[in-house]
Amino acid sequence: MSDQPAQKPSRKATFALVLASLSLVLSLISCGFVAVTWFDDFDDSFQSPPQAASVSEVEAFAHVTFPPGTVFLSAASSNGLETYLSARFRIPRDALDTFIADGNFGAKLTPGLRAVTKQDDVGGGDTWHPETAVRVSGLDEEAPGPNGTYRRLLADLDAEDTVTMYLRASRP
């Protein structure tokens, strides 16, 4: 052990330490900003632009079978890290139960559940308005269905003879 008192760091050393600490803090802040900005655009930067999807593409990807009398209104898909598909179609009211059963959905229709929203429209445009429906039933699969596909469905029950369906399917 030494009997000499500890020496105080010089002003230059203290100033260098403060400057290095400030530089580190500013570097971490800028890295955080870059990371937040990159993750904010994460989905868009790795997804293809939306493309129109055909009836057969919707049936194959979403693992559904359209009943006779189906009127196909719109559909779009986007590929990338995940594949997204949205479709809007109208089926006869008496075909609803058969459509759900044939699709082997992992959930049942729940009255009042709005499982699909305006944000689920892959293609954009002005024909996708699930929020305007008054009487609805929805279905949201908690676990993936066939081939790892997650499916959500909103049934617009406002019309007497038909049901307008909004379908959202995705696969990682």
N, C-alpha and C. Protein backbone atom coordinates (compact mmCIF):
# COMPACT_ATOMS: atom_id res chain seq x y z
N MET A 1 0.84 -1.17 0.00
CA MET A 1 0.00 0.00 0.00
C MET A 1 0.88 1.23 0.00
N SER A 2 0.43 2.20 -0.69
CA SER A 2 1.18 3.45 -0.80
C SER A 2 0.57 4.47 0.14
N ASP A 3 1.42 5.29 0.73
CA ASP A 3 0.96 6.33 1.62
C ASP A 3 0.68 7.63 0.89
N GLN A 4 0.85 7.62 -0.42
CA GLN A 4 0.64 8.84 -1.17
C GLN A 4 -0.84 8.97 -1.53
N PRO A 5 -1.38 10.20 -1.48
CA PRO A 5 -2.79 10.39 -1.85
C PRO A 5 -3.00 10.15 -3.35
N ALA A 6 -4.20 9.69 -3.69
CA ALA A 6 -4.55 9.44 -5.10
C ALA A 6 -4.54 10.75 -5.85
N GLN A 7 -4.05 10.70 -7.07
CA GLN A 7 -3.98 11.91 -7.87
C GLN A 7 -5.31 12.14 -8.56
N LYS A 8 -5.69 13.41 -8.66
CA LYS A 8 -6.90 13.79 -9.37
C LYS A 8 -6.61 13.73 -10.87
N PRO A 9 -7.57 13.29 -11.67
CA PRO A 9 -7.34 13.31 -13.11
C PRO A 9 -7.19 14.75 -13.60
N SER A 10 -6.43 14.92 -14.61
CA SER A 10 -6.22 16.26 -15.14
C SER A 10 -7.49 16.76 -15.82
N ARG A 11 -7.54 18.05 -16.05
CA ARG A 11 -8.70 18.64 -16.73
C ARG A 11 -8.83 18.09 -18.14
N LYS A 12 -7.72 17.86 -18.79
CA LYS A 12 -7.77 17.32 -20.15
C LYS A 12 -8.37 15.92 -20.15
N ALA A 13 -8.01 15.12 -19.17
CA ALA A 13 -8.54 13.75 -19.09
C ALA A 13 -10.05 13.79 -18.81
N THR A 14 -10.46 14.66 -17.90
CA THR A 14 -11.89 14.79 -17.57
C THR A 14 -12.67 15.26 -18.79
N PHE A 15 -12.13 16.24 -19.49
CA PHE A 15 -12.79 16.76 -20.68
C PHE A 15 -12.90 15.67 -21.76
N ALA A 16 -11.85 14.88 -21.93
CA ALA A 16 -11.86 13.80 -22.93
C ALA A 16 -12.91 12.75 -22.56
N LEU A 17 -13.02 12.43 -21.28
CA LEU A 17 -14.01 11.45 -20.83
C LEU A 17 -15.43 11.96 -21.06
N VAL A 18 -15.72 13.20 -20.74
CA VAL A 18 -17.04 13.80 -20.97
C VAL A 18 -17.36 13.82 -22.46
N LEU A 19 -16.40 14.20 -23.28
CA LEU A 19 -16.59 14.26 -24.72
C LEU A 19 -16.86 12.86 -25.30
N ALA A 20 -16.12 11.86 -24.83
CA ALA A 20 -16.33 10.48 -25.29
C ALA A 20 -17.72 9.98 -24.88
N SER A 21 -18.15 10.29 -23.66
CA SER A 21 -19.48 9.88 -23.18
C SER A 21 -20.58 10.53 -24.00
N LEU A 22 -20.42 11.81 -24.27
CA LEU A 22 -21.40 12.54 -25.08
C LEU A 22 -21.46 11.96 -26.49
N SER A 23 -20.33 11.63 -27.05
CA SER A 23 -20.27 11.03 -28.39
C SER A 23 -20.98 9.68 -28.40
N LEU A 24 -20.79 8.87 -27.36
CA LEU A 24 -21.44 7.57 -27.25
C LEU A 24 -22.96 7.72 -27.18
N VAL A 25 -23.43 8.64 -26.36
CA VAL A 25 -24.88 8.87 -26.21
C VAL A 25 -25.49 9.31 -27.55
N LEU A 26 -24.85 10.23 -28.24
CA LEU A 26 -25.36 10.70 -29.53
C LEU A 26 -25.37 9.58 -30.56
N SER A 27 -24.35 8.73 -30.56
CA SER A 27 -24.29 7.59 -31.48
C SER A 27 -25.43 6.61 -31.22
N LEU A 28 -25.68 6.31 -29.95
CA LEU A 28 -26.77 5.40 -29.60
C LEU A 28 -28.12 5.97 -30.00
N ILE A 29 -28.33 7.24 -29.80
CA ILE A 29 -29.59 7.89 -30.19
C ILE A 29 -29.78 7.79 -31.70
N SER A 30 -28.73 8.08 -32.47
CA SER A 30 -28.88 8.02 -33.93
C SER A 30 -29.10 6.60 -34.40
N CYS A 31 -28.45 5.60 -33.79
CA CYS A 31 -28.69 4.20 -34.16
C CYS A 31 -30.13 3.80 -33.84
N GLY A 32 -30.63 4.23 -32.70
CA GLY A 32 -32.02 3.95 -32.34
C GLY A 32 -32.99 4.57 -33.32
N PHE A 33 -32.71 5.78 -33.74
CA PHE A 33 -33.58 6.45 -34.72
C PHE A 33 -33.60 5.70 -36.04
N VAL A 34 -32.45 5.26 -36.50
CA VAL A 34 -32.37 4.50 -37.75
C VAL A 34 -33.13 3.19 -37.62
N ALA A 35 -32.97 2.49 -36.50
CA ALA A 35 -33.65 1.21 -36.29
C ALA A 35 -35.17 1.40 -36.27
N VAL A 36 -35.65 2.40 -35.56
CA VAL A 36 -37.10 2.65 -35.49
C VAL A 36 -37.63 3.00 -36.87
N THR A 37 -36.93 3.81 -37.61
CA THR A 37 -37.37 4.18 -38.96
C THR A 37 -37.39 2.97 -39.87
N TRP A 38 -36.38 2.13 -39.79
CA TRP A 38 -36.32 0.94 -40.64
C TRP A 38 -37.44 -0.02 -40.29
N PHE A 39 -37.68 -0.30 -39.00
CA PHE A 39 -38.72 -1.24 -38.62
C PHE A 39 -40.11 -0.68 -38.89
N ASP A 40 -40.27 0.62 -38.89
CA ASP A 40 -41.55 1.23 -39.20
C ASP A 40 -41.96 0.92 -40.64
N ASP A 41 -41.00 0.85 -41.55
CA ASP A 41 -41.28 0.56 -42.95
C ASP A 41 -40.98 -0.89 -43.30
N PHE A 42 -40.82 -1.74 -42.32
CA PHE A 42 -40.38 -3.11 -42.52
C PHE A 42 -41.25 -3.87 -43.52
N ASP A 43 -42.56 -3.91 -43.32
CA ASP A 43 -43.45 -4.67 -44.20
C ASP A 43 -43.44 -4.13 -45.62
N ASP A 44 -43.50 -2.82 -45.78
CA ASP A 44 -43.59 -2.23 -47.10
C ASP A 44 -42.34 -2.46 -47.92
N SER A 45 -41.20 -2.42 -47.30
CA SER A 45 -39.96 -2.50 -48.06
C SER A 45 -39.69 -3.90 -48.59
N PHE A 46 -40.32 -4.90 -48.02
CA PHE A 46 -40.08 -6.27 -48.46
C PHE A 46 -41.30 -6.89 -49.15
N GLN A 47 -42.35 -6.13 -49.38
CA GLN A 47 -43.55 -6.64 -50.02
C GLN A 47 -43.62 -6.17 -51.47
N SER A 48 -44.16 -7.04 -52.31
CA SER A 48 -44.38 -6.64 -53.70
C SER A 48 -45.59 -5.72 -53.75
N PRO A 49 -45.71 -4.93 -54.81
CA PRO A 49 -46.93 -4.13 -54.96
C PRO A 49 -48.14 -5.06 -55.08
N PRO A 50 -49.31 -4.62 -54.63
CA PRO A 50 -50.51 -5.45 -54.75
C PRO A 50 -50.80 -5.78 -56.22
N GLN A 51 -51.26 -7.01 -56.43
CA GLN A 51 -51.65 -7.45 -57.76
C GLN A 51 -53.04 -8.07 -57.66
N ALA A 52 -53.83 -7.93 -58.72
CA ALA A 52 -55.16 -8.53 -58.74
C ALA A 52 -55.03 -10.05 -58.62
N ALA A 53 -55.94 -10.65 -57.88
CA ALA A 53 -55.95 -12.11 -57.71
C ALA A 53 -57.21 -12.66 -58.35
N SER A 54 -57.10 -13.81 -58.98
CA SER A 54 -58.24 -14.44 -59.65
C SER A 54 -59.02 -15.29 -58.65
N VAL A 55 -60.19 -15.75 -59.09
CA VAL A 55 -61.02 -16.62 -58.26
C VAL A 55 -60.24 -17.87 -57.86
N SER A 56 -59.58 -18.49 -58.83
CA SER A 56 -58.84 -19.72 -58.53
C SER A 56 -57.67 -19.46 -57.59
N GLU A 57 -57.01 -18.31 -57.70
CA GLU A 57 -55.92 -17.97 -56.78
C GLU A 57 -56.44 -17.79 -55.36
N VAL A 58 -57.60 -17.14 -55.22
CA VAL A 58 -58.20 -16.96 -53.89
C VAL A 58 -58.56 -18.31 -53.30
N GLU A 59 -59.21 -19.16 -54.09
CA GLU A 59 -59.60 -20.48 -53.59
C GLU A 59 -58.38 -21.30 -53.17
N ALA A 60 -57.32 -21.26 -53.98
CA ALA A 60 -56.13 -22.06 -53.68
C ALA A 60 -55.39 -21.53 -52.45
N PHE A 61 -55.20 -20.22 -52.37
CA PHE A 61 -54.43 -19.65 -51.26
C PHE A 61 -55.19 -19.70 -49.95
N ALA A 62 -56.47 -19.32 -49.98
CA ALA A 62 -57.27 -19.24 -48.76
C ALA A 62 -57.95 -20.56 -48.40
N HIS A 63 -57.82 -21.56 -49.25
CA HIS A 63 -58.41 -22.88 -49.01
C HIS A 63 -59.92 -22.79 -48.77
N VAL A 64 -60.58 -22.13 -49.70
CA VAL A 64 -62.04 -22.02 -49.68
C VAL A 64 -62.58 -22.47 -51.03
N THR A 65 -63.86 -22.79 -51.05
CA THR A 65 -64.54 -23.13 -52.29
C THR A 65 -65.76 -22.22 -52.40
N PHE A 66 -65.81 -21.47 -53.48
CA PHE A 66 -66.95 -20.56 -53.66
C PHE A 66 -68.17 -21.37 -54.09
N PRO A 67 -69.30 -21.14 -53.42
CA PRO A 67 -70.52 -21.87 -53.78
C PRO A 67 -71.10 -21.35 -55.09
N PRO A 68 -71.98 -22.13 -55.73
CA PRO A 68 -72.65 -21.65 -56.94
C PRO A 68 -73.39 -20.35 -56.63
N GLY A 69 -73.39 -19.43 -57.57
CA GLY A 69 -74.06 -18.16 -57.39
C GLY A 69 -73.17 -17.08 -56.78
N THR A 70 -71.89 -17.39 -56.54
CA THR A 70 -70.97 -16.41 -55.97
C THR A 70 -70.68 -15.31 -56.99
N VAL A 71 -70.72 -14.07 -56.51
CA VAL A 71 -70.33 -12.92 -57.33
C VAL A 71 -69.00 -12.42 -56.76
N PHE A 72 -67.96 -12.55 -57.56
CA PHE A 72 -66.61 -12.16 -57.16
C PHE A 72 -66.47 -10.66 -57.37
N LEU A 73 -66.22 -9.88 -56.32
CA LEU A 73 -66.20 -8.42 -56.42
C LEU A 73 -64.79 -7.85 -56.55
N SER A 74 -63.84 -8.33 -55.75
CA SER A 74 -62.46 -7.85 -55.86
C SER A 74 -61.55 -8.77 -55.07
N ALA A 75 -60.27 -8.78 -55.49
CA ALA A 75 -59.27 -9.54 -54.74
C ALA A 75 -57.89 -9.04 -55.15
N ALA A 76 -56.98 -9.05 -54.18
CA ALA A 76 -55.60 -8.63 -54.44
C ALA A 76 -54.68 -9.40 -53.52
N SER A 77 -53.43 -9.55 -53.96
CA SER A 77 -52.44 -10.23 -53.12
C SER A 77 -51.12 -9.48 -53.21
N SER A 78 -50.27 -9.73 -52.22
CA SER A 78 -48.95 -9.12 -52.16
C SER A 78 -48.00 -10.16 -51.58
N ASN A 79 -46.85 -10.32 -52.21
CA ASN A 79 -45.87 -11.31 -51.77
C ASN A 79 -44.64 -10.62 -51.20
N GLY A 80 -43.96 -11.31 -50.32
CA GLY A 80 -42.73 -10.78 -49.72
C GLY A 80 -42.33 -11.70 -48.60
N LEU A 81 -41.95 -11.13 -47.46
CA LEU A 81 -41.63 -11.97 -46.31
C LEU A 81 -42.86 -12.75 -45.88
N GLU A 82 -44.03 -12.15 -46.06
CA GLU A 82 -45.31 -12.83 -45.87
C GLU A 82 -46.12 -12.62 -47.13
N THR A 83 -47.09 -13.49 -47.34
CA THR A 83 -48.01 -13.33 -48.46
C THR A 83 -49.36 -12.94 -47.89
N TYR A 84 -49.92 -11.87 -48.42
CA TYR A 84 -51.22 -11.37 -47.98
C TYR A 84 -52.21 -11.45 -49.13
N LEU A 85 -53.46 -11.75 -48.81
CA LEU A 85 -54.52 -11.77 -49.80
C LEU A 85 -55.80 -11.22 -49.16
N SER A 86 -56.50 -10.40 -49.90
CA SER A 86 -57.82 -9.95 -49.44
C SER A 86 -58.78 -10.16 -50.60
N ALA A 87 -60.01 -10.53 -50.26
CA ALA A 87 -61.03 -10.76 -51.29
C ALA A 87 -62.39 -10.31 -50.76
N ARG A 88 -63.18 -9.79 -51.66
CA ARG A 88 -64.56 -9.39 -51.35
C ARG A 88 -65.45 -10.07 -52.37
N PHE A 89 -66.48 -10.76 -51.89
CA PHE A 89 -67.39 -11.48 -52.78
C PHE A 89 -68.75 -11.59 -52.12
N ARG A 90 -69.73 -11.90 -52.92
CA ARG A 90 -71.11 -12.01 -52.45
C ARG A 90 -71.59 -13.43 -52.72
N ILE A 91 -72.17 -14.06 -51.70
CA ILE A 91 -72.70 -15.41 -51.86
C ILE A 91 -74.17 -15.41 -51.46
N PRO A 92 -74.94 -16.39 -51.97
CA PRO A 92 -76.35 -16.50 -51.54
C PRO A 92 -76.41 -16.76 -50.03
N ARG A 93 -77.39 -16.17 -49.38
CA ARG A 93 -77.51 -16.30 -47.92
C ARG A 93 -77.60 -17.77 -47.50
N ASP A 94 -78.32 -18.58 -48.26
CA ASP A 94 -78.48 -19.98 -47.88
C ASP A 94 -77.21 -20.82 -48.11
N ALA A 95 -76.18 -20.24 -48.70
CA ALA A 95 -74.91 -20.96 -48.92
C ALA A 95 -73.86 -20.64 -47.86
N LEU A 96 -74.18 -19.76 -46.91
CA LEU A 96 -73.20 -19.33 -45.92
C LEU A 96 -72.69 -20.49 -45.07
N ASP A 97 -73.59 -21.29 -44.51
CA ASP A 97 -73.17 -22.39 -43.65
C ASP A 97 -72.30 -23.40 -44.41
N THR A 98 -72.68 -23.67 -45.65
CA THR A 98 -71.91 -24.61 -46.48
C THR A 98 -70.53 -24.05 -46.78
N PHE A 99 -70.45 -22.75 -47.09
CA PHE A 99 -69.17 -22.12 -47.37
C PHE A 99 -68.23 -22.24 -46.16
N ILE A 100 -68.74 -21.99 -44.97
CA ILE A 100 -67.93 -22.07 -43.75
C ILE A 100 -67.50 -23.52 -43.51
N ALA A 101 -68.43 -24.46 -43.65
CA ALA A 101 -68.11 -25.88 -43.43
C ALA A 101 -67.09 -26.38 -44.45
N ASP A 102 -67.26 -26.05 -45.71
CA ASP A 102 -66.33 -26.51 -46.75
C ASP A 102 -64.94 -25.90 -46.60
N GLY A 103 -64.85 -24.73 -45.98
CA GLY A 103 -63.56 -24.07 -45.78
C GLY A 103 -62.76 -24.63 -44.62
N ASN A 104 -63.36 -25.52 -43.84
CA ASN A 104 -62.68 -26.11 -42.68
C ASN A 104 -62.01 -25.05 -41.81
N PHE A 105 -62.74 -23.98 -41.52
CA PHE A 105 -62.20 -22.91 -40.69
C PHE A 105 -61.97 -23.42 -39.27
N GLY A 106 -60.94 -22.93 -38.62
CA GLY A 106 -60.60 -23.34 -37.26
C GLY A 106 -61.36 -22.56 -36.21
N ALA A 107 -62.34 -21.77 -36.62
CA ALA A 107 -63.16 -21.00 -35.68
C ALA A 107 -64.57 -20.94 -36.25
N LYS A 108 -65.49 -20.57 -35.40
CA LYS A 108 -66.89 -20.45 -35.84
C LYS A 108 -67.23 -18.97 -36.03
N LEU A 109 -68.25 -18.71 -36.86
CA LEU A 109 -68.73 -17.33 -37.02
C LEU A 109 -69.25 -16.84 -35.67
N THR A 110 -68.83 -15.65 -35.31
CA THR A 110 -69.25 -15.04 -34.05
C THR A 110 -70.05 -13.78 -34.36
N PRO A 111 -71.34 -13.73 -33.96
CA PRO A 111 -72.14 -12.53 -34.23
C PRO A 111 -71.49 -11.29 -33.62
N GLY A 112 -71.42 -10.22 -34.41
CA GLY A 112 -70.88 -8.94 -33.94
C GLY A 112 -69.37 -8.79 -34.07
N LEU A 113 -68.64 -9.87 -34.36
CA LEU A 113 -67.18 -9.81 -34.46
C LEU A 113 -66.77 -9.19 -35.80
N ARG A 114 -66.03 -8.11 -35.73
CA ARG A 114 -65.49 -7.45 -36.94
C ARG A 114 -64.03 -7.87 -37.10
N ALA A 115 -63.85 -9.08 -37.64
CA ALA A 115 -62.52 -9.67 -37.76
C ALA A 115 -61.73 -9.08 -38.92
N VAL A 116 -62.38 -8.37 -39.83
CA VAL A 116 -61.74 -7.74 -40.98
C VAL A 116 -62.09 -6.25 -40.96
N THR A 117 -61.07 -5.41 -41.21
CA THR A 117 -61.29 -3.97 -41.22
C THR A 117 -60.81 -3.37 -42.53
N LYS A 118 -60.96 -2.08 -42.68
CA LYS A 118 -60.50 -1.36 -43.87
C LYS A 118 -59.00 -1.57 -44.08
N GLN A 119 -58.22 -1.66 -43.01
CA GLN A 119 -56.77 -1.82 -43.11
C GLN A 119 -56.38 -3.18 -43.69
N ASP A 120 -57.29 -4.13 -43.74
CA ASP A 120 -56.99 -5.47 -44.26
C ASP A 120 -57.06 -5.55 -45.78
N ASP A 121 -57.45 -4.49 -46.43
CA ASP A 121 -57.54 -4.48 -47.89
C ASP A 121 -56.14 -4.40 -48.48
N VAL A 122 -55.70 -5.47 -49.12
CA VAL A 122 -54.35 -5.51 -49.70
C VAL A 122 -54.24 -4.57 -50.89
N GLY A 123 -55.29 -4.51 -51.70
CA GLY A 123 -55.22 -3.76 -52.96
C GLY A 123 -55.49 -2.29 -52.86
N GLY A 124 -56.02 -1.83 -51.74
CA GLY A 124 -56.39 -0.42 -51.65
C GLY A 124 -57.63 -0.15 -52.50
N GLY A 125 -57.82 1.06 -52.87
CA GLY A 125 -59.00 1.38 -53.68
C GLY A 125 -60.17 1.81 -52.82
N ASP A 126 -61.30 1.96 -53.48
CA ASP A 126 -62.47 2.49 -52.76
C ASP A 126 -63.66 1.53 -52.76
N THR A 127 -63.42 0.24 -52.96
CA THR A 127 -64.54 -0.71 -52.95
C THR A 127 -64.58 -1.56 -51.68
N TRP A 128 -63.66 -1.36 -50.79
CA TRP A 128 -63.53 -2.20 -49.59
C TRP A 128 -64.01 -1.40 -48.38
N HIS A 129 -65.24 -1.66 -47.92
CA HIS A 129 -65.80 -0.90 -46.80
C HIS A 129 -66.51 -1.80 -45.80
N PRO A 130 -65.78 -2.68 -45.11
CA PRO A 130 -66.44 -3.54 -44.13
C PRO A 130 -67.03 -2.78 -42.95
N GLU A 131 -66.53 -1.57 -42.72
CA GLU A 131 -67.02 -0.78 -41.58
C GLU A 131 -68.44 -0.27 -41.78
N THR A 132 -68.95 -0.29 -43.02
CA THR A 132 -70.30 0.21 -43.27
C THR A 132 -71.38 -0.82 -42.94
N ALA A 133 -71.01 -2.08 -42.79
CA ALA A 133 -71.99 -3.12 -42.47
C ALA A 133 -72.52 -2.91 -41.05
N VAL A 134 -73.82 -3.12 -40.88
CA VAL A 134 -74.45 -2.96 -39.58
C VAL A 134 -74.55 -4.30 -38.86
N ARG A 135 -75.14 -5.28 -39.53
CA ARG A 135 -75.26 -6.64 -38.95
C ARG A 135 -74.12 -7.49 -39.49
N VAL A 136 -73.23 -7.92 -38.61
CA VAL A 136 -72.06 -8.68 -39.05
C VAL A 136 -71.85 -9.91 -38.18
N SER A 137 -71.14 -10.85 -38.75
CA SER A 137 -70.57 -11.98 -38.01
C SER A 137 -69.14 -12.10 -38.51
N GLY A 138 -68.26 -12.53 -37.64
CA GLY A 138 -66.86 -12.64 -38.02
C GLY A 138 -66.24 -13.92 -37.54
N LEU A 139 -65.08 -14.19 -38.08
CA LEU A 139 -64.35 -15.40 -37.75
C LEU A 139 -62.86 -15.06 -37.82
N ASP A 140 -62.12 -15.45 -36.80
CA ASP A 140 -60.69 -15.16 -36.74
C ASP A 140 -59.98 -16.41 -36.25
N GLU A 141 -59.24 -17.06 -37.14
CA GLU A 141 -58.54 -18.28 -36.76
C GLU A 141 -57.32 -17.92 -35.90
N GLU A 142 -57.25 -18.49 -34.71
CA GLU A 142 -56.14 -18.23 -33.80
C GLU A 142 -54.90 -19.01 -34.23
N ALA A 143 -55.11 -20.20 -34.77
CA ALA A 143 -54.01 -21.04 -35.23
C ALA A 143 -54.07 -21.11 -36.75
N PRO A 144 -52.94 -21.33 -37.40
CA PRO A 144 -52.97 -21.40 -38.85
C PRO A 144 -53.78 -22.59 -39.34
N GLY A 145 -54.43 -22.38 -40.47
CA GLY A 145 -55.20 -23.45 -41.10
C GLY A 145 -54.32 -24.22 -42.05
N PRO A 146 -54.90 -24.69 -43.15
CA PRO A 146 -54.14 -25.49 -44.12
C PRO A 146 -52.90 -24.76 -44.63
N ASN A 147 -51.80 -25.47 -44.73
CA ASN A 147 -50.52 -24.94 -45.23
C ASN A 147 -50.01 -23.72 -44.47
N GLY A 148 -50.41 -23.58 -43.21
CA GLY A 148 -49.93 -22.46 -42.41
C GLY A 148 -50.61 -21.14 -42.72
N THR A 149 -51.76 -21.17 -43.36
CA THR A 149 -52.48 -19.96 -43.74
C THR A 149 -53.38 -19.49 -42.60
N TYR A 150 -53.24 -18.23 -42.23
CA TYR A 150 -54.14 -17.61 -41.25
C TYR A 150 -55.28 -16.95 -42.02
N ARG A 151 -56.51 -17.15 -41.57
CA ARG A 151 -57.65 -16.58 -42.27
C ARG A 151 -58.58 -15.85 -41.30
N ARG A 152 -59.09 -14.72 -41.79
CA ARG A 152 -60.10 -13.95 -41.06
C ARG A 152 -61.22 -13.64 -42.04
N LEU A 153 -62.42 -13.55 -41.51
CA LEU A 153 -63.59 -13.39 -42.37
C LEU A 153 -64.60 -12.48 -41.69
N LEU A 154 -65.21 -11.60 -42.47
CA LEU A 154 -66.32 -10.79 -41.98
C LEU A 154 -67.49 -11.02 -42.93
N ALA A 155 -68.64 -11.36 -42.37
CA ALA A 155 -69.85 -11.55 -43.15
C ALA A 155 -70.77 -10.36 -42.91
N ASP A 156 -71.06 -9.61 -43.98
CA ASP A 156 -71.99 -8.48 -43.94
C ASP A 156 -73.38 -9.06 -44.17
N LEU A 157 -74.21 -9.06 -43.13
CA LEU A 157 -75.53 -9.71 -43.17
C LEU A 157 -76.67 -8.71 -43.37
N ASP A 158 -76.36 -7.52 -43.89
CA ASP A 158 -77.39 -6.49 -44.04
C ASP A 158 -78.43 -6.81 -45.10
N ALA A 159 -78.06 -7.47 -46.19
CA ALA A 159 -79.00 -7.80 -47.27
C ALA A 159 -79.79 -9.06 -46.90
N GLU A 160 -81.00 -9.17 -47.45
CA GLU A 160 -81.87 -10.31 -47.13
C GLU A 160 -81.42 -11.62 -47.78
N ASP A 161 -81.09 -11.57 -49.07
CA ASP A 161 -80.84 -12.79 -49.83
C ASP A 161 -79.37 -13.11 -50.06
N THR A 162 -78.49 -12.16 -49.79
CA THR A 162 -77.07 -12.38 -50.05
C THR A 162 -76.24 -11.97 -48.83
N VAL A 163 -75.01 -12.45 -48.82
CA VAL A 163 -74.05 -12.10 -47.78
C VAL A 163 -72.80 -11.60 -48.49
N THR A 164 -72.36 -10.39 -48.16
CA THR A 164 -71.10 -9.89 -48.69
C THR A 164 -70.01 -10.32 -47.74
N MET A 165 -69.02 -11.02 -48.29
CA MET A 165 -67.95 -11.58 -47.48
C MET A 165 -66.67 -10.79 -47.72
N TYR A 166 -65.95 -10.51 -46.63
CA TYR A 166 -64.63 -9.89 -46.67
C TYR A 166 -63.67 -10.92 -46.10
N LEU A 167 -62.71 -11.35 -46.89
CA LEU A 167 -61.78 -12.40 -46.51
C LEU A 167 -60.36 -11.86 -46.49
N ARG A 168 -59.63 -12.16 -45.44
CA ARG A 168 -58.21 -11.80 -45.35
C ARG A 168 -57.45 -13.08 -45.02
N ALA A 169 -56.44 -13.38 -45.82
CA ALA A 169 -55.62 -14.56 -45.58
C ALA A 169 -54.15 -14.16 -45.64
N SER A 170 -53.34 -14.78 -44.82
CA SER A 170 -51.90 -14.47 -44.83
C SER A 170 -51.13 -15.74 -44.49
N ARG A 171 -49.90 -15.76 -45.01
CA ARG A 171 -49.03 -16.91 -44.74
C ARG A 171 -47.61 -16.38 -44.57
N PRO A 172 -46.96 -16.75 -43.45
CA PRO A 172 -45.58 -16.32 -43.23
C PRO A 172 -44.63 -16.96 -44.23
